[in-house]
Amino acid sequence: MRRTGVAAGLERFNDAPRESAVATLLACCGSLRWAQRVAAHRPYPDLGSLLAAADEAAYDLSPADLGEALADEYPAGAQADAPQAAHTALAAAHAAYESRFGHSFVICLDAYRPDEYLDQILAGIRTRLAHDPDDERAVSAEELRGLARSRLTHAVAGHPESGIAGTPR
């Protein structure tokens, strides 16, 4: 019987050459150490096991690994049809955040509808600008972990281009 969906995607991921698996993982999180670690523990029996391994590897990121992953992120943007004022406000908020913390603002928006993304991004930046750098690094690491889980789930399901919530890749 031919597998479909997530089971087939997980099988392809498990069977892929190491370099291909690492490339898939790097599209989910820009830390080479994270990607190599998750790829090294294949095969995974199910998606839950893969996500648990991805989480564990994310929790173990060194400050340098986290910096590498954050440097690979792009700012979360407004939907193309948003008013120009929204794009301007978002660009200003991102600039303030990047100036304060030295990396792109990351947020996992899986819990929200697309029409809520802009408000959540702006509210998140506004709130997180008040953090001290160490606290913000911890929040950013957690948001990055959520993004990696979401991206990995979509990649294994065979539709990485489906508009995963959060920052575009």
C-alpha atoms as a PDB file:
ATOM      1  CA  MET A   1       0.000   0.000   0.000  1.00  0.00           C
ATOM      2  CA  ARG A   2       1.345   3.437  -0.963  1.00  0.00           C
ATOM      3  CA  ARG A   3       1.636   5.976   1.857  1.00  0.00           C
ATOM      4  CA  THR A   4       0.315   9.483   1.433  1.00  0.00           C
ATOM      5  CA  GLY A   5       0.553  12.812   3.240  1.00  0.00           C
ATOM      6  CA  VAL A   6       2.660  13.077   6.362  1.00  0.00           C
ATOM      7  CA  ALA A   7       3.571   9.369   6.472  1.00  0.00           C
ATOM      8  CA  ALA A   8       4.952   9.499   2.930  1.00  0.00           C
ATOM      9  CA  GLY A   9       6.725  12.784   3.613  1.00  0.00           C
ATOM     10  CA  LEU A  10       8.303  11.403   6.756  1.00  0.00           C
ATOM     11  CA  GLU A  11       9.423   8.319   4.857  1.00  0.00           C
ATOM     12  CA  ARG A  12      11.013  10.540   2.167  1.00  0.00           C
ATOM     13  CA  PHE A  13      12.706  12.628   4.878  1.00  0.00           C
ATOM     14  CA  ASN A  14      14.002   9.525   6.667  1.00  0.00           C
ATOM     15  CA  ASP A  15      15.303   7.995   3.410  1.00  0.00           C
ATOM     16  CA  ALA A  16      16.793  11.179   1.943  1.00  0.00           C
ATOM     17  CA  PRO A  17      20.561  11.554   1.679  1.00  0.00           C
ATOM     18  CA  ARG A  18      21.983  13.342   4.722  1.00  0.00           C
ATOM     19  CA  GLU A  19      22.754  16.515   2.740  1.00  0.00           C
ATOM     20  CA  SER A  20      19.171  16.699   1.480  1.00  0.00           C
ATOM     21  CA  ALA A  21      17.735  16.185   4.965  1.00  0.00           C
ATOM     22  CA  VAL A  22      20.022  18.886   6.368  1.00  0.00           C
ATOM     23  CA  ALA A  23      18.940  21.260   3.576  1.00  0.00           C
ATOM     24  CA  THR A  24      15.274  20.600   4.400  1.00  0.00           C
ATOM     25  CA  LEU A  25      15.952  21.250   8.062  1.00  0.00           C
ATOM     26  CA  LEU A  26      17.923  24.435   7.369  1.00  0.00           C
ATOM     27  CA  ALA A  27      14.841  25.769   5.573  1.00  0.00           C
ATOM     28  CA  CYS A  28      13.014  25.299   8.882  1.00  0.00           C
ATOM     29  CA  CYS A  29      15.675  26.741  11.205  1.00  0.00           C
ATOM     30  CA  GLY A  30      18.913  28.391  10.143  1.00  0.00           C
ATOM     31  CA  SER A  31      21.172  26.709  12.698  1.00  0.00           C
ATOM     32  CA  LEU A  32      23.506  24.226  11.002  1.00  0.00           C
ATOM     33  CA  ARG A  33      24.149  22.442  14.319  1.00  0.00           C
ATOM     34  CA  TRP A  34      20.388  22.042  14.877  1.00  0.00           C
ATOM     35  CA  ALA A  35      19.850  20.718  11.351  1.00  0.00           C
ATOM     36  CA  GLN A  36      22.748  18.267  11.555  1.00  0.00           C
ATOM     37  CA  ARG A  37      21.632  17.001  14.947  1.00  0.00           C
ATOM     38  CA  VAL A  38      18.032  16.394  13.850  1.00  0.00           C
ATOM     39  CA  ALA A  39      19.170  14.745  10.602  1.00  0.00           C
ATOM     40  CA  ALA A  40      21.617  12.490  12.467  1.00  0.00           C
ATOM     41  CA  HIS A  41      18.854  10.875  14.525  1.00  0.00           C
ATOM     42  CA  ARG A  42      16.843   9.601  11.566  1.00  0.00           C
ATOM     43  CA  PRO A  43      14.826   7.520  11.009  1.00  0.00           C
ATOM     44  CA  TYR A  44      11.879   8.863  12.974  1.00  0.00           C
ATOM     45  CA  PRO A  45       8.914   6.518  13.485  1.00  0.00           C
ATOM     46  CA  ASP A  46       6.338   9.313  13.341  1.00  0.00           C
ATOM     47  CA  LEU A  47       5.932  13.077  13.097  1.00  0.00           C
ATOM     48  CA  GLY A  48       5.659  13.445  16.873  1.00  0.00           C
ATOM     49  CA  SER A  49       9.079  11.839  17.340  1.00  0.00           C
ATOM     50  CA  LEU A  50      10.600  14.124  14.712  1.00  0.00           C
ATOM     51  CA  LEU A  51       9.091  17.213  16.340  1.00  0.00           C
ATOM     52  CA  ALA A  52      10.249  16.091  19.791  1.00  0.00           C
ATOM     53  CA  ALA A  53      13.798  15.696  18.464  1.00  0.00           C
ATOM     54  CA  ALA A  54      13.578  19.122  16.792  1.00  0.00           C
ATOM     55  CA  ASP A  55      12.406  20.654  20.071  1.00  0.00           C
ATOM     56  CA  GLU A  56      15.188  18.995  22.056  1.00  0.00           C
ATOM     57  CA  ALA A  57      17.796  20.210  19.581  1.00  0.00           C
ATOM     58  CA  ALA A  58      16.302  23.721  19.713  1.00  0.00           C
ATOM     59  CA  TYR A  59      16.448  23.804  23.511  1.00  0.00           C
ATOM     60  CA  ASP A  60      20.141  22.910  23.317  1.00  0.00           C
ATOM     61  CA  LEU A  61      21.153  25.719  20.932  1.00  0.00           C
ATOM     62  CA  SER A  62      24.198  27.614  22.126  1.00  0.00           C
ATOM     63  CA  PRO A  63      24.102  31.419  21.980  1.00  0.00           C
ATOM     64  CA  ALA A  64      26.159  31.233  18.761  1.00  0.00           C
ATOM     65  CA  ASP A  65      23.756  28.671  17.231  1.00  0.00           C
ATOM     66  CA  LEU A  66      20.791  30.841  18.163  1.00  0.00           C
ATOM     67  CA  GLY A  67      22.498  33.879  16.666  1.00  0.00           C
ATOM     68  CA  GLU A  68      23.114  31.939  13.448  1.00  0.00           C
ATOM     69  CA  ALA A  69      19.458  30.893  13.274  1.00  0.00           C
ATOM     70  CA  LEU A  70      18.170  34.399  14.020  1.00  0.00           C
ATOM     71  CA  ALA A  71      20.482  35.890  11.388  1.00  0.00           C
ATOM     72  CA  ASP A  72      18.807  33.624   8.828  1.00  0.00           C
ATOM     73  CA  GLU A  73      15.315  34.937   9.617  1.00  0.00           C
ATOM     74  CA  TYR A  74      13.446  37.593   7.693  1.00  0.00           C
ATOM     75  CA  PRO A  75      11.072  40.116   9.272  1.00  0.00           C
ATOM     76  CA  ALA A  76       7.446  39.040   9.369  1.00  0.00           C
ATOM     77  CA  GLY A  77       5.547  41.161   6.899  1.00  0.00           C
ATOM     78  CA  ALA A  78       2.048  42.452   6.367  1.00  0.00           C
ATOM     79  CA  GLN A  79      -0.143  40.826   3.752  1.00  0.00           C
ATOM     80  CA  ALA A  80       0.310  42.393   0.332  1.00  0.00           C
ATOM     81  CA  ASP A  81      -3.194  43.876   0.355  1.00  0.00           C
ATOM     82  CA  ALA A  82      -2.693  45.654   3.704  1.00  0.00           C
ATOM     83  CA  PRO A  83      -2.890  49.453   3.575  1.00  0.00           C
ATOM     84  CA  GLN A  84       0.354  51.324   2.920  1.00  0.00           C
ATOM     85  CA  ALA A  85       0.157  52.785   6.444  1.00  0.00           C
ATOM     86  CA  ALA A  86       0.321  49.233   7.847  1.00  0.00           C
ATOM     87  CA  HIS A  87       3.432  48.451   5.808  1.00  0.00           C
ATOM     88  CA  THR A  88       5.021  51.712   6.984  1.00  0.00           C
ATOM     89  CA  ALA A  89       4.159  51.065  10.645  1.00  0.00           C
ATOM     90  CA  LEU A  90       5.498  47.534  10.413  1.00  0.00           C
ATOM     91  CA  ALA A  91       8.741  48.642   8.765  1.00  0.00           C
ATOM     92  CA  ALA A  92       9.281  51.235  11.515  1.00  0.00           C
ATOM     93  CA  ALA A  93       8.541  48.688  14.247  1.00  0.00           C
ATOM     94  CA  HIS A  94      10.943  46.167  12.719  1.00  0.00           C
ATOM     95  CA  ALA A  95      13.654  48.824  12.435  1.00  0.00           C
ATOM     96  CA  ALA A  96      13.257  49.747  16.109  1.00  0.00           C
ATOM     97  CA  TYR A  97      13.383  46.093  17.136  1.00  0.00           C
ATOM     98  CA  GLU A  98      16.433  45.276  15.015  1.00  0.00           C
ATOM     99  CA  SER A  99      18.200  48.386  16.282  1.00  0.00           C
ATOM    100  CA  ARG A 100      17.596  47.346  19.897  1.00  0.00           C
ATOM    101  CA  PHE A 101      18.293  43.621  19.638  1.00  0.00           C
ATOM    102  CA  GLY A 102      20.461  43.202  16.526  1.00  0.00           C
ATOM    103  CA  HIS A 103      18.335  40.586  14.772  1.00  0.00           C
ATOM    104  CA  SER A 104      14.990  40.201  13.037  1.00  0.00           C
ATOM    105  CA  PHE A 105      11.835  39.957  15.089  1.00  0.00           C
ATOM    106  CA  VAL A 106      10.556  36.378  15.059  1.00  0.00           C
ATOM    107  CA  ILE A 107       7.096  35.262  16.020  1.00  0.00           C
ATOM    108  CA  CYS A 108       5.160  32.072  15.462  1.00  0.00           C
ATOM    109  CA  LEU A 109       1.631  32.950  14.422  1.00  0.00           C
ATOM    110  CA  ASP A 110       0.169  29.444  14.207  1.00  0.00           C
ATOM    111  CA  ALA A 111      -2.507  30.250  16.802  1.00  0.00           C
ATOM    112  CA  TYR A 112      -3.888  33.149  14.746  1.00  0.00           C
ATOM    113  CA  ARG A 113      -5.859  33.654  11.557  1.00  0.00           C
ATOM    114  CA  PRO A 114      -4.076  35.439   8.689  1.00  0.00           C
ATOM    115  CA  ASP A 115      -6.224  38.538   9.203  1.00  0.00           C
ATOM    116  CA  GLU A 116      -4.823  38.758  12.762  1.00  0.00           C
ATOM    117  CA  TYR A 117      -1.134  38.483  11.832  1.00  0.00           C
ATOM    118  CA  LEU A 118      -0.426  42.192  11.444  1.00  0.00           C
ATOM    119  CA  ASP A 119      -1.982  43.095  14.798  1.00  0.00           C
ATOM    120  CA  GLN A 120      -0.125  40.252  16.518  1.00  0.00           C
ATOM    121  CA  ILE A 121       3.199  41.226  14.968  1.00  0.00           C
ATOM    122  CA  LEU A 122       2.835  44.892  15.920  1.00  0.00           C
ATOM    123  CA  ALA A 123       1.646  44.039  19.440  1.00  0.00           C
ATOM    124  CA  GLY A 124       4.480  41.533  19.830  1.00  0.00           C
ATOM    125  CA  ILE A 125       7.134  44.015  18.762  1.00  0.00           C
ATOM    126  CA  ARG A 126       5.677  46.713  21.009  1.00  0.00           C
ATOM    127  CA  THR A 127       5.656  44.368  24.013  1.00  0.00           C
ATOM    128  CA  ARG A 128       9.029  42.802  23.344  1.00  0.00           C
ATOM    129  CA  LEU A 129      10.839  46.118  22.830  1.00  0.00           C
ATOM    130  CA  ALA A 130      10.493  46.532  26.609  1.00  0.00           C
ATOM    131  CA  HIS A 131      12.443  43.320  27.284  1.00  0.00           C
ATOM    132  CA  ASP A 132      16.054  43.359  28.325  1.00  0.00           C
ATOM    133  CA  PRO A 133      18.318  41.662  25.760  1.00  0.00           C
ATOM    134  CA  ASP A 134      18.697  38.410  27.722  1.00  0.00           C
ATOM    135  CA  ASP A 135      14.948  38.005  28.225  1.00  0.00           C
ATOM    136  CA  GLU A 136      14.285  38.824  24.577  1.00  0.00           C
ATOM    137  CA  ARG A 137      16.829  36.264  23.437  1.00  0.00           C
ATOM    138  CA  ALA A 138      14.950  33.616  25.423  1.00  0.00           C
ATOM    139  CA  VAL A 139      11.605  34.703  23.931  1.00  0.00           C
ATOM    140  CA  SER A 140      13.101  34.772  20.444  1.00  0.00           C
ATOM    141  CA  ALA A 141      14.492  31.261  20.948  1.00  0.00           C
ATOM    142  CA  GLU A 142      11.045  29.989  21.930  1.00  0.00           C
ATOM    143  CA  GLU A 143       9.373  31.697  18.962  1.00  0.00           C
ATOM    144  CA  LEU A 144      12.048  30.279  16.653  1.00  0.00           C
ATOM    145  CA  ARG A 145      11.401  26.807  18.055  1.00  0.00           C
ATOM    146  CA  GLY A 146       7.693  27.201  17.259  1.00  0.00           C
ATOM    147  CA  LEU A 147       8.477  28.395  13.745  1.00  0.00           C
ATOM    148  CA  ALA A 148      10.815  25.451  13.184  1.00  0.00           C
ATOM    149  CA  ARG A 149       8.128  22.999  14.321  1.00  0.00           C
ATOM    150  CA  SER A 150       5.559  24.578  12.025  1.00  0.00           C
ATOM    151  CA  ARG A 151       7.895  24.708   9.039  1.00  0.00           C
ATOM    152  CA  LEU A 152       9.065  21.133   9.619  1.00  0.00           C
ATOM    153  CA  THR A 153       5.491  19.869   9.864  1.00  0.00           C
ATOM    154  CA  HIS A 154       4.623  21.570   6.576  1.00  0.00           C
ATOM    155  CA  ALA A 155       7.817  20.372   4.883  1.00  0.00           C
ATOM    156  CA  VAL A 156       7.222  16.753   5.881  1.00  0.00           C
ATOM    157  CA  ALA A 157       3.571  17.012   4.840  1.00  0.00           C
ATOM    158  CA  GLY A 158       4.831  17.927   1.374  1.00  0.00           C
ATOM    159  CA  HIS A 159       3.617  21.501   1.168  1.00  0.00           C
ATOM    160  CA  PRO A 160       6.350  23.815   2.485  1.00  0.00           C
ATOM    161  CA  GLU A 161       5.128  26.613   0.216  1.00  0.00           C
ATOM    162  CA  SER A 162       1.696  26.685   1.872  1.00  0.00           C
ATOM    163  CA  GLY A 163       2.188  29.981   3.661  1.00  0.00           C
ATOM    164  CA  ILE A 164       3.418  28.871   7.035  1.00  0.00           C
ATOM    165  CA  ALA A 165       2.534  31.383   9.709  1.00  0.00           C
ATOM    166  CA  GLY A 166       5.312  33.614  10.828  1.00  0.00           C
ATOM    167  CA  THR A 167       8.309  34.821   8.966  1.00  0.00           C
ATOM    168  CA  PRO A 168       8.639  33.933   5.301  1.00  0.00           C
ATOM    169  CA  ARG A 169      11.585  31.839   4.155  1.00  0.00           C
END
